[in-house]
PDB file of N, CA and C in Angstrom:
ATOM      1  N   MET A   1      36.163  74.547 -23.295  1.00  0.00           N
ATOM      2  CA  MET A   1      37.383  73.624 -22.899  1.00  0.00           C
ATOM      3  C   MET A   1      36.735  72.863 -21.503  1.00  0.00           C
ATOM      4  N   GLU A   2      36.821  71.838 -21.256  1.00  0.00           N
ATOM      5  CA  GLU A   2      36.665  70.917 -20.224  1.00  0.00           C
ATOM      6  C   GLU A   2      37.779  70.652 -19.469  1.00  0.00           C
ATOM      7  N   VAL A   3      37.397  70.892 -18.126  1.00  0.00           N
ATOM      8  CA  VAL A   3      38.857  70.666 -17.157  1.00  0.00           C
ATOM      9  C   VAL A   3      38.619  69.088 -16.726  1.00  0.00           C
ATOM     10  N   ARG A   4      39.644  68.366 -16.589  1.00  0.00           N
ATOM     11  CA  ARG A   4      39.732  66.925 -16.152  1.00  0.00           C
ATOM     12  C   ARG A   4      40.759  66.729 -15.080  1.00  0.00           C
ATOM     13  N   SER A   5      40.290  66.396 -14.010  1.00  0.00           N
ATOM     14  CA  SER A   5      41.449  66.106 -12.838  1.00  0.00           C
ATOM     15  C   SER A   5      41.910  64.762 -13.115  1.00  0.00           C
ATOM     16  N   LEU A   6      43.194  64.486 -13.239  1.00  0.00           N
ATOM     17  CA  LEU A   6      44.042  63.178 -13.360  1.00  0.00           C
ATOM     18  C   LEU A   6      44.350  62.531 -12.141  1.00  0.00           C
ATOM     19  N   GLY A   7      44.108  63.333 -11.017  1.00  0.00           N
ATOM     20  CA  GLY A   7      44.539  63.136  -9.726  1.00  0.00           C
ATOM     21  C   GLY A   7      46.107  63.778  -9.560  1.00  0.00           C
ATOM     22  N   GLN A   8      46.502  63.437  -8.319  1.00  0.00           N
ATOM     23  CA  GLN A   8      47.986  64.029  -7.794  1.00  0.00           C
ATOM     24  C   GLN A   8      48.177  65.547  -8.167  1.00  0.00           C
ATOM     25  N   GLY A   9      46.891  66.375  -8.050  1.00  0.00           N
ATOM     26  CA  GLY A   9      47.070  67.646  -8.597  1.00  0.00           C
ATOM     27  C   GLY A   9      47.072  68.027  -9.888  1.00  0.00           C
ATOM     28  N   ILE A  10      47.111  67.164 -10.912  1.00  0.00           N
ATOM     29  CA  ILE A  10      47.142  67.228 -12.387  1.00  0.00           C
ATOM     30  C   ILE A  10      45.795  67.565 -12.769  1.00  0.00           C
ATOM     31  N   GLU A  11      45.765  68.772 -13.536  1.00  0.00           N
ATOM     32  CA  GLU A  11      44.406  69.187 -14.007  1.00  0.00           C
ATOM     33  C   GLU A  11      44.848  69.425 -15.588  1.00  0.00           C
ATOM     34  N   VAL A  12      43.928  68.847 -16.558  1.00  0.00           N
ATOM     35  CA  VAL A  12      44.130  69.153 -18.020  1.00  0.00           C
ATOM     36  C   VAL A  12      42.820  69.640 -18.449  1.00  0.00           C
ATOM     37  N   GLU A  13      43.095  70.880 -19.288  1.00  0.00           N
ATOM     38  CA  GLU A  13      41.965  71.495 -20.219  1.00  0.00           C
ATOM     39  C   GLU A  13      41.852  70.570 -21.493  1.00  0.00           C
ATOM     40  N   ILE A  14      40.906  70.210 -21.925  1.00  0.00           N
ATOM     41  CA  ILE A  14      40.642  69.460 -23.052  1.00  0.00           C
ATOM     42  C   ILE A  14      39.418  69.681 -24.011  1.00  0.00           C
ATOM     43  N   ASP A  15      39.394  69.681 -25.216  1.00  0.00           N
ATOM     44  CA  ASP A  15      38.304  69.800 -25.926  1.00  0.00           C
ATOM     45  C   ASP A  15      38.381  68.842 -27.055  1.00  0.00           C
ATOM     46  N   VAL A  16      37.348  68.223 -27.411  1.00  0.00           N
ATOM     47  CA  VAL A  16      37.257  67.371 -28.749  1.00  0.00           C
ATOM     48  C   VAL A  16      36.307  68.064 -29.468  1.00  0.00           C
ATOM     49  N   ARG A  17      36.614  68.517 -30.750  1.00  0.00           N
ATOM     50  CA  ARG A  17      35.641  69.103 -31.871  1.00  0.00           C
ATOM     51  C   ARG A  17      35.565  68.078 -33.133  1.00  0.00           C
ATOM     52  N   PRO A  18      34.497  68.268 -33.740  1.00  0.00           N
ATOM     53  CA  PRO A  18      34.179  67.319 -34.928  1.00  0.00           C
ATOM     54  C   PRO A  18      34.717  68.190 -36.200  1.00  0.00           C
ATOM     55  N   THR A  19      35.259  67.379 -37.093  1.00  0.00           N
ATOM     56  CA  THR A  19      35.707  68.136 -38.335  1.00  0.00           C
ATOM     57  C   THR A  19      34.655  67.414 -39.528  1.00  0.00           C
ATOM     58  N   SER A  20      35.045  67.898 -40.663  1.00  0.00           N
ATOM     59  CA  SER A  20      34.242  67.302 -41.805  1.00  0.00           C
ATOM     60  C   SER A  20      34.541  65.794 -41.855  1.00  0.00           C
ATOM     61  N   HIS A  21      35.815  65.201 -41.643  1.00  0.00           N
ATOM     62  CA  HIS A  21      35.826  63.894 -41.969  1.00  0.00           C
ATOM     63  C   HIS A  21      36.797  63.167 -40.751  1.00  0.00           C
ATOM     64  N   GLY A  22      36.541  63.765 -39.541  1.00  0.00           N
ATOM     65  CA  GLY A  22      37.365  63.136 -38.241  1.00  0.00           C
ATOM     66  C   GLY A  22      36.968  64.056 -37.142  1.00  0.00           C
ATOM     67  N   TYR A  23      38.071  64.410 -36.382  1.00  0.00           N
ATOM     68  CA  TYR A  23      37.898  65.032 -35.082  1.00  0.00           C
ATOM     69  C   TYR A  23      39.236  65.765 -34.834  1.00  0.00           C
ATOM     70  N   MET A  24      39.157  66.873 -34.094  1.00  0.00           N
ATOM     71  CA  MET A  24      40.152  67.440 -33.622  1.00  0.00           C
ATOM     72  C   MET A  24      40.320  67.534 -31.900  1.00  0.00           C
ATOM     73  N   LEU A  25      41.400  67.330 -31.398  1.00  0.00           N
ATOM     74  CA  LEU A  25      41.611  67.183 -29.900  1.00  0.00           C
ATOM     75  C   LEU A  25      42.573  68.366 -29.461  1.00  0.00           C
ATOM     76  N   ILE A  26      42.061  69.177 -28.386  1.00  0.00           N
ATOM     77  CA  ILE A  26      42.928  70.340 -28.194  1.00  0.00           C
ATOM     78  C   ILE A  26      43.119  70.184 -26.703  1.00  0.00           C
ATOM     79  N   HIS A  27      44.419  70.201 -26.377  1.00  0.00           N
ATOM     80  CA  HIS A  27      44.545  69.775 -24.690  1.00  0.00           C
ATOM     81  C   HIS A  27      46.062  70.625 -24.209  1.00  0.00           C
ATOM     82  N   ARG A  28      45.887  70.883 -23.022  1.00  0.00           N
ATOM     83  CA  ARG A  28      47.122  71.402 -22.181  1.00  0.00           C
ATOM     84  C   ARG A  28      46.873  71.283 -20.740  1.00  0.00           C
ATOM     85  N   LEU A  29      48.100  71.135 -19.990  1.00  0.00           N
ATOM     86  CA  LEU A  29      47.750  71.241 -18.637  1.00  0.00           C
ATOM     87  C   LEU A  29      47.106  72.564 -18.434  1.00  0.00           C
ATOM     88  N   ARG A  30      46.264  72.613 -17.267  1.00  0.00           N
ATOM     89  CA  ARG A  30      45.438  73.830 -16.947  1.00  0.00           C
ATOM     90  C   ARG A  30      46.093  75.021 -16.918  1.00  0.00           C
ATOM     91  N   GLY A  31      45.882  76.147 -17.557  1.00  0.00           N
ATOM     92  CA  GLY A  31      46.339  77.344 -17.289  1.00  0.00           C
ATOM     93  C   GLY A  31      47.940  77.390 -17.758  1.00  0.00           C
ATOM     94  N   LYS A  32      48.517  76.531 -18.210  1.00  0.00           N
ATOM     95  CA  LYS A  32      49.805  76.349 -18.478  1.00  0.00           C
ATOM     96  C   LYS A  32      50.248  76.260 -19.898  1.00  0.00           C
ATOM     97  N   GLY A  33      50.943  77.465 -20.545  1.00  0.00           N
ATOM     98  CA  GLY A  33      51.316  77.305 -21.856  1.00  0.00           C
ATOM     99  C   GLY A  33      50.575  76.965 -22.914  1.00  0.00           C
ATOM    100  N   SER A  34      51.426  76.414 -24.079  1.00  0.00           N
ATOM    101  CA  SER A  34      50.935  76.201 -25.139  1.00  0.00           C
ATOM    102  C   SER A  34      49.689  74.903 -25.365  1.00  0.00           C
ATOM    103  N   TYR A  35      49.098  74.828 -26.314  1.00  0.00           N
ATOM    104  CA  TYR A  35      47.930  73.909 -26.497  1.00  0.00           C
ATOM    105  C   TYR A  35      48.678  72.886 -27.277  1.00  0.00           C
ATOM    106  N   THR A  36      48.537  71.601 -27.328  1.00  0.00           N
ATOM    107  CA  THR A  36      48.745  70.718 -28.171  1.00  0.00           C
ATOM    108  C   THR A  36      47.397  70.310 -28.946  1.00  0.00           C
ATOM    109  N   VAL A  37      47.424  70.238 -30.343  1.00  0.00           N
ATOM    110  CA  VAL A  37      46.341  70.055 -30.994  1.00  0.00           C
ATOM    111  C   VAL A  37      46.413  68.868 -32.016  1.00  0.00           C
ATOM    112  N   SER A  38      45.635  67.756 -31.994  1.00  0.00           N
ATOM    113  CA  SER A  38      45.732  66.736 -32.732  1.00  0.00           C
ATOM    114  C   SER A  38      44.577  66.926 -33.941  1.00  0.00           C
ATOM    115  N   CYS A  39      44.968  66.595 -34.943  1.00  0.00           N
ATOM    116  CA  CYS A  39      43.958  66.674 -35.997  1.00  0.00           C
ATOM    117  C   CYS A  39      43.891  65.136 -36.791  1.00  0.00           C
ATOM    118  N   CYS A  40      42.859  64.402 -36.568  1.00  0.00           N
ATOM    119  CA  CYS A  40      42.427  62.962 -36.900  1.00  0.00           C
ATOM    120  C   CYS A  40      41.478  62.829 -38.126  1.00  0.00           C
ATOM    121  N   CYS A  41      42.036  62.379 -39.176  1.00  0.00           N
ATOM    122  CA  CYS A  41      41.063  62.376 -40.290  1.00  0.00           C
ATOM    123  C   CYS A  41      40.837  60.918 -40.686  1.00  0.00           C
ATOM    124  N   GLU A  42      39.660  60.517 -41.109  1.00  0.00           N
ATOM    125  CA  GLU A  42      39.185  59.218 -41.541  1.00  0.00           C
ATOM    126  C   GLU A  42      40.304  58.546 -42.595  1.00  0.00           C
ATOM    127  N   GLY A  43      40.746  57.415 -42.348  1.00  0.00           N
ATOM    128  CA  GLY A  43      41.522  56.877 -43.258  1.00  0.00           C
ATOM    129  C   GLY A  43      42.976  57.396 -43.405  1.00  0.00           C
ATOM    130  N   MET A  44      43.122  58.540 -42.727  1.00  0.00           N
ATOM    131  CA  MET A  44      44.514  59.272 -42.833  1.00  0.00           C
ATOM    132  C   MET A  44      45.360  59.145 -41.604  1.00  0.00           C
ATOM    133  N   GLY A  45      44.672  58.837 -40.357  1.00  0.00           N
ATOM    134  CA  GLY A  45      45.527  58.930 -39.157  1.00  0.00           C
ATOM    135  C   GLY A  45      45.550  60.254 -38.600  1.00  0.00           C
ATOM    136  N   CYS A  46      46.354  60.473 -37.830  1.00  0.00           N
ATOM    137  CA  CYS A  46      46.425  61.973 -37.024  1.00  0.00           C
ATOM    138  C   CYS A  46      47.605  62.614 -37.238  1.00  0.00           C
ATOM    139  N   VAL A  47      47.744  63.674 -36.847  1.00  0.00           N
ATOM    140  CA  VAL A  47      49.045  64.670 -36.838  1.00  0.00           C
ATOM    141  C   VAL A  47      48.756  65.284 -35.706  1.00  0.00           C
ATOM    142  N   SER A  48      49.779  66.028 -34.994  1.00  0.00           N
ATOM    143  CA  SER A  48      49.750  66.913 -33.833  1.00  0.00           C
ATOM    144  C   SER A  48      50.696  68.145 -34.047  1.00  0.00           C
ATOM    145  N   LYS A  49      50.346  69.134 -33.439  1.00  0.00           N
ATOM    146  CA  LYS A  49      51.187  70.522 -33.527  1.00  0.00           C
ATOM    147  C   LYS A  49      50.887  71.290 -32.372  1.00  0.00           C
ATOM    148  N   THR A  50      51.786  71.936 -31.889  1.00  0.00           N
ATOM    149  CA  THR A  50      51.744  72.865 -30.658  1.00  0.00           C
ATOM    150  C   THR A  50      51.249  74.183 -31.264  1.00  0.00           C
ATOM    151  N   CYS A  51      50.307  74.897 -30.336  1.00  0.00           N
ATOM    152  CA  CYS A  51      49.617  76.145 -31.217  1.00  0.00           C
ATOM    153  C   CYS A  51      49.903  76.963 -29.733  1.00  0.00           C
ATOM    154  N   THR A  52      50.264  78.223 -29.822  1.00  0.00           N
ATOM    155  CA  THR A  52      50.500  79.134 -28.930  1.00  0.00           C
ATOM    156  C   THR A  52      49.440  80.362 -29.230  1.00  0.00           C
ATOM    157  N   TYR A  53      48.762  80.838 -28.161  1.00  0.00           N
ATOM    158  CA  TYR A  53      47.662  81.871 -28.131  1.00  0.00           C
ATOM    159  C   TYR A  53      48.037  82.983 -27.096  1.00  0.00           C
ATOM    160  N   PRO A  54      47.544  84.219 -27.335  1.00  0.00           N
ATOM    161  CA  PRO A  54      47.656  85.162 -26.391  1.00  0.00           C
ATOM    162  C   PRO A  54      46.974  84.677 -25.047  1.00  0.00           C
ATOM    163  N   ASP A  55      47.302  85.255 -23.946  1.00  0.00           N
ATOM    164  CA  ASP A  55      46.496  84.862 -22.735  1.00  0.00           C
ATOM    165  C   ASP A  55      45.261  85.374 -22.615  1.00  0.00           C
ATOM    166  N   GLY A  56      44.407  84.555 -22.138  1.00  0.00           N
ATOM    167  CA  GLY A  56      43.125  84.853 -22.464  1.00  0.00           C
ATOM    168  C   GLY A  56      42.131  84.615 -23.782  1.00  0.00           C
ATOM    169  N   GLU A  57      42.970  84.376 -24.931  1.00  0.00           N
ATOM    170  CA  GLU A  57      42.339  84.126 -26.040  1.00  0.00           C
ATOM    171  C   GLU A  57      42.029  82.394 -26.120  1.00  0.00           C
ATOM    172  N   PRO A  58      40.769  82.230 -26.616  1.00  0.00           N
ATOM    173  CA  PRO A  58      40.464  80.840 -26.471  1.00  0.00           C
ATOM    174  C   PRO A  58      41.269  80.159 -27.868  1.00  0.00           C
ATOM    175  N   PRO A  59      41.553  78.878 -27.689  1.00  0.00           N
ATOM    176  CA  PRO A  59      42.195  78.194 -28.873  1.00  0.00           C
ATOM    177  C   PRO A  59      41.366  78.190 -30.023  1.00  0.00           C
ATOM    178  N   SER A  60      41.773  78.411 -31.387  1.00  0.00           N
ATOM    179  CA  SER A  60      41.020  78.498 -32.584  1.00  0.00           C
ATOM    180  C   SER A  60      41.604  77.834 -33.807  1.00  0.00           C
ATOM    181  N   PRO A  61      42.155  76.706 -33.372  1.00  0.00           N
ATOM    182  CA  PRO A  61      43.003  75.952 -34.594  1.00  0.00           C
ATOM    183  C   PRO A  61      42.000  75.586 -35.712  1.00  0.00           C
ATOM    184  N   THR A  62      42.500  75.135 -36.805  1.00  0.00           N
ATOM    185  CA  THR A  62      41.550  74.403 -37.688  1.00  0.00           C
ATOM    186  C   THR A  62      42.462  73.076 -38.066  1.00  0.00           C
ATOM    187  N   CYS A  63      41.448  72.349 -38.574  1.00  0.00           N
ATOM    188  CA  CYS A  63      41.980  70.854 -38.888  1.00  0.00           C
ATOM    189  C   CYS A  63      41.334  70.692 -40.421  1.00  0.00           C
ATOM    190  N   ASP A  64      42.410  70.333 -41.287  1.00  0.00           N
ATOM    191  CA  ASP A  64      42.076  70.114 -42.735  1.00  0.00           C
ATOM    192  C   ASP A  64      42.186  68.646 -43.237  1.00  0.00           C
ATOM    193  N   CYS A  65      41.204  68.140 -43.590  1.00  0.00           N
ATOM    194  CA  CYS A  65      41.101  66.620 -44.068  1.00  0.00           C
ATOM    195  C   CYS A  65      41.146  66.525 -45.607  1.00  0.00           C
ATOM    196  N   THR A  66      41.289  67.562 -46.248  1.00  0.00           N
ATOM    197  CA  THR A  66      41.186  67.477 -47.861  1.00  0.00           C
ATOM    198  C   THR A  66      42.432  67.258 -48.605  1.00  0.00           C
ATOM    199  N   GLY A  67      43.516  67.107 -48.003  1.00  0.00           N
ATOM    200  CA  GLY A  67      44.627  66.823 -48.746  1.00  0.00           C
ATOM    201  C   GLY A  67      45.065  65.408 -48.654  1.00  0.00           C
ATOM    202  N   SER A  68      46.410  64.940 -48.840  1.00  0.00           N
ATOM    203  CA  SER A  68      46.789  63.545 -48.797  1.00  0.00           C
ATOM    204  C   SER A  68      47.150  63.149 -47.324  1.00  0.00           C
ATOM    205  N   SER A  69      47.348  64.171 -46.533  1.00  0.00           N
ATOM    206  CA  SER A  69      47.354  63.870 -45.086  1.00  0.00           C
ATOM    207  C   SER A  69      46.665  65.065 -44.255  1.00  0.00           C
ATOM    208  N   PRO A  70      46.399  64.782 -42.848  1.00  0.00           N
ATOM    209  CA  PRO A  70      45.652  65.729 -42.060  1.00  0.00           C
ATOM    210  C   PRO A  70      46.772  66.921 -41.817  1.00  0.00           C
ATOM    211  N   SER A  71      46.192  68.223 -41.794  1.00  0.00           N
ATOM    212  CA  SER A  71      46.854  69.286 -41.494  1.00  0.00           C
ATOM    213  C   SER A  71      46.089  70.249 -40.446  1.00  0.00           C
ATOM    214  N   ILE A  72      47.108  71.151 -39.810  1.00  0.00           N
ATOM    215  CA  ILE A  72      46.557  71.875 -38.723  1.00  0.00           C
ATOM    216  C   ILE A  72      47.041  73.146 -39.092  1.00  0.00           C
ATOM    217  N   THR A  73      46.040  74.157 -38.768  1.00  0.00           N
ATOM    218  CA  THR A  73      46.476  75.678 -38.809  1.00  0.00           C
ATOM    219  C   THR A  73      46.214  76.181 -37.335  1.00  0.00           C
ATOM    220  N   CYS A  74      47.037  76.893 -36.970  1.00  0.00           N
ATOM    221  CA  CYS A  74      46.906  77.367 -35.496  1.00  0.00           C
ATOM    222  C   CYS A  74      46.074  78.568 -35.469  1.00  0.00           C
TER     223      CYS A  74
END
């Protein structure tokens, strides 16, 4: 996860990962709560889902572009 400062004390953890037919974007406020995961597939658009993991566990969602629309598994 990369940490980006947006100014005014706001820091965001963000990661962009490739998928078979698109990409997955994982982000949250630094050290705070759940992650928002977006799955974007070529020709199908994007969907987003909130995923929660135990403290200290890195996010490990999957993005599936094989159906009629993108889907996310936390």
